[in-house]
Amino acid sequence: MSDIQLTKTKIDASGRKIATLGQEYIRAKTEPDARKSLVKMMSELSIQTSLLAEQNAQLDRNLKGIK
């Protein structure tokens, strides 16, 4: 499996985790529980952003290698 495909798999997993956390937020009964879910979601969004940046850098390196 190439680096880009591995990163895509991680991004997809992160996306599913964010969706799950969103459902957790919706189901939260109290304000503190809702905030905990949002904190977890923001943390996962940060991880996903880093993964997307890594994937972008990999694609850029591949394109420069082709030229």
C-alpha atoms as a PDB file:
ATOM      1  CA  MET A   1       0.000   0.000   0.000  1.00  0.00           C
ATOM      2  CA  SER A   2       1.428   3.363  -0.988  1.00  0.00           C
ATOM      3  CA  ASP A   3       1.886   6.233   1.436  1.00  0.00           C
ATOM      4  CA  ILE A   4      -0.980   8.164  -0.152  1.00  0.00           C
ATOM      5  CA  GLN A   5      -3.366   5.223   0.145  1.00  0.00           C
ATOM      6  CA  LEU A   6      -2.350   4.647   3.772  1.00  0.00           C
ATOM      7  CA  THR A   7      -2.937   8.317   4.549  1.00  0.00           C
ATOM      8  CA  LYS A   8      -6.310   8.191   2.761  1.00  0.00           C
ATOM      9  CA  THR A   9      -7.303   5.227   4.923  1.00  0.00           C
ATOM     10  CA  LYS A  10      -6.384   7.217   8.049  1.00  0.00           C
ATOM     11  CA  ILE A  11      -8.331  10.247   6.782  1.00  0.00           C
ATOM     12  CA  ASP A  12     -11.399   8.099   6.102  1.00  0.00           C
ATOM     13  CA  ALA A  13     -11.190   6.576   9.590  1.00  0.00           C
ATOM     14  CA  SER A  14     -10.860  10.051  11.073  1.00  0.00           C
ATOM     15  CA  GLY A  15     -13.920  11.193   9.126  1.00  0.00           C
ATOM     16  CA  ARG A  16     -15.945   8.311  10.522  1.00  0.00           C
ATOM     17  CA  LYS A  17     -14.757   9.164  14.035  1.00  0.00           C
ATOM     18  CA  ILE A  18     -15.812  12.799  13.554  1.00  0.00           C
ATOM     19  CA  ALA A  19     -19.254  11.643  12.393  1.00  0.00           C
ATOM     20  CA  THR A  20     -19.559   9.425  15.475  1.00  0.00           C
ATOM     21  CA  LEU A  21     -18.538  12.296  17.726  1.00  0.00           C
ATOM     22  CA  GLY A  22     -21.124  14.493  16.010  1.00  0.00           C
ATOM     23  CA  GLN A  23     -23.806  11.956  16.865  1.00  0.00           C
ATOM     24  CA  GLU A  24     -22.491  11.849  20.431  1.00  0.00           C
ATOM     25  CA  TYR A  25     -22.816  15.650  20.561  1.00  0.00           C
ATOM     26  CA  ILE A  26     -26.389  15.513  19.303  1.00  0.00           C
ATOM     27  CA  ARG A  27     -27.346  12.895  21.890  1.00  0.00           C
ATOM     28  CA  ALA A  28     -25.683  14.745  24.787  1.00  0.00           C
ATOM     29  CA  LYS A  29     -28.179  15.443  27.536  1.00  0.00           C
ATOM     30  CA  THR A  30     -26.208  18.080  29.434  1.00  0.00           C
ATOM     31  CA  GLU A  31     -24.103  21.071  28.452  1.00  0.00           C
ATOM     32  CA  PRO A  32     -20.874  19.606  29.940  1.00  0.00           C
ATOM     33  CA  ASP A  33     -21.362  16.364  27.992  1.00  0.00           C
ATOM     34  CA  ALA A  34     -21.975  18.321  24.795  1.00  0.00           C
ATOM     35  CA  ARG A  35     -18.828  20.377  25.373  1.00  0.00           C
ATOM     36  CA  LYS A  36     -16.762  17.229  25.958  1.00  0.00           C
ATOM     37  CA  SER A  37     -17.982  15.886  22.629  1.00  0.00           C
ATOM     38  CA  LEU A  38     -17.096  19.154  20.895  1.00  0.00           C
ATOM     39  CA  VAL A  39     -13.596  19.130  22.405  1.00  0.00           C
ATOM     40  CA  LYS A  40     -13.063  15.573  21.156  1.00  0.00           C
ATOM     41  CA  MET A  41     -14.404  16.557  17.739  1.00  0.00           C
ATOM     42  CA  MET A  42     -12.104  19.576  17.478  1.00  0.00           C
ATOM     43  CA  SER A  43      -9.151  17.419  18.459  1.00  0.00           C
ATOM     44  CA  GLU A  44     -10.020  14.889  15.761  1.00  0.00           C
ATOM     45  CA  LEU A  45     -10.475  17.700  13.219  1.00  0.00           C
ATOM     46  CA  SER A  46      -6.962  18.860  14.046  1.00  0.00           C
ATOM     47  CA  ILE A  47      -5.638  15.349  13.462  1.00  0.00           C
ATOM     48  CA  GLN A  48      -7.542  15.124  10.187  1.00  0.00           C
ATOM     49  CA  THR A  49      -6.180  18.479   9.032  1.00  0.00           C
ATOM     50  CA  SER A  50      -2.650  17.252   9.701  1.00  0.00           C
ATOM     51  CA  LEU A  51      -3.344  14.069   7.740  1.00  0.00           C
ATOM     52  CA  LEU A  52      -4.725  16.085   4.828  1.00  0.00           C
ATOM     53  CA  ALA A  53      -1.628  18.302   4.856  1.00  0.00           C
ATOM     54  CA  GLU A  54       0.559  15.194   4.838  1.00  0.00           C
ATOM     55  CA  GLN A  55      -1.384  13.747   1.923  1.00  0.00           C
ATOM     56  CA  ASN A  56      -1.106  17.037   0.051  1.00  0.00           C
ATOM     57  CA  ALA A  57       2.662  17.085   0.591  1.00  0.00           C
ATOM     58  CA  GLN A  58       2.919  13.503  -0.667  1.00  0.00           C
ATOM     59  CA  LEU A  59       0.955  14.362  -3.793  1.00  0.00           C
ATOM     60  CA  ASP A  60       3.134  17.421  -4.351  1.00  0.00           C
ATOM     61  CA  ARG A  61       6.307  15.333  -4.049  1.00  0.00           C
ATOM     62  CA  ASN A  62       4.899  12.806  -6.505  1.00  0.00           C
ATOM     63  CA  LEU A  63       4.041  15.530  -9.013  1.00  0.00           C
ATOM     64  CA  LYS A  64       7.494  17.085  -8.749  1.00  0.00           C
ATOM     65  CA  GLY A  65       9.036  13.655  -9.235  1.00  0.00           C
ATOM     66  CA  ILE A  66       7.081  13.206 -12.484  1.00  0.00           C
ATOM     67  CA  LYS A  67       8.230  16.510 -14.010  1.00  0.00           C
END
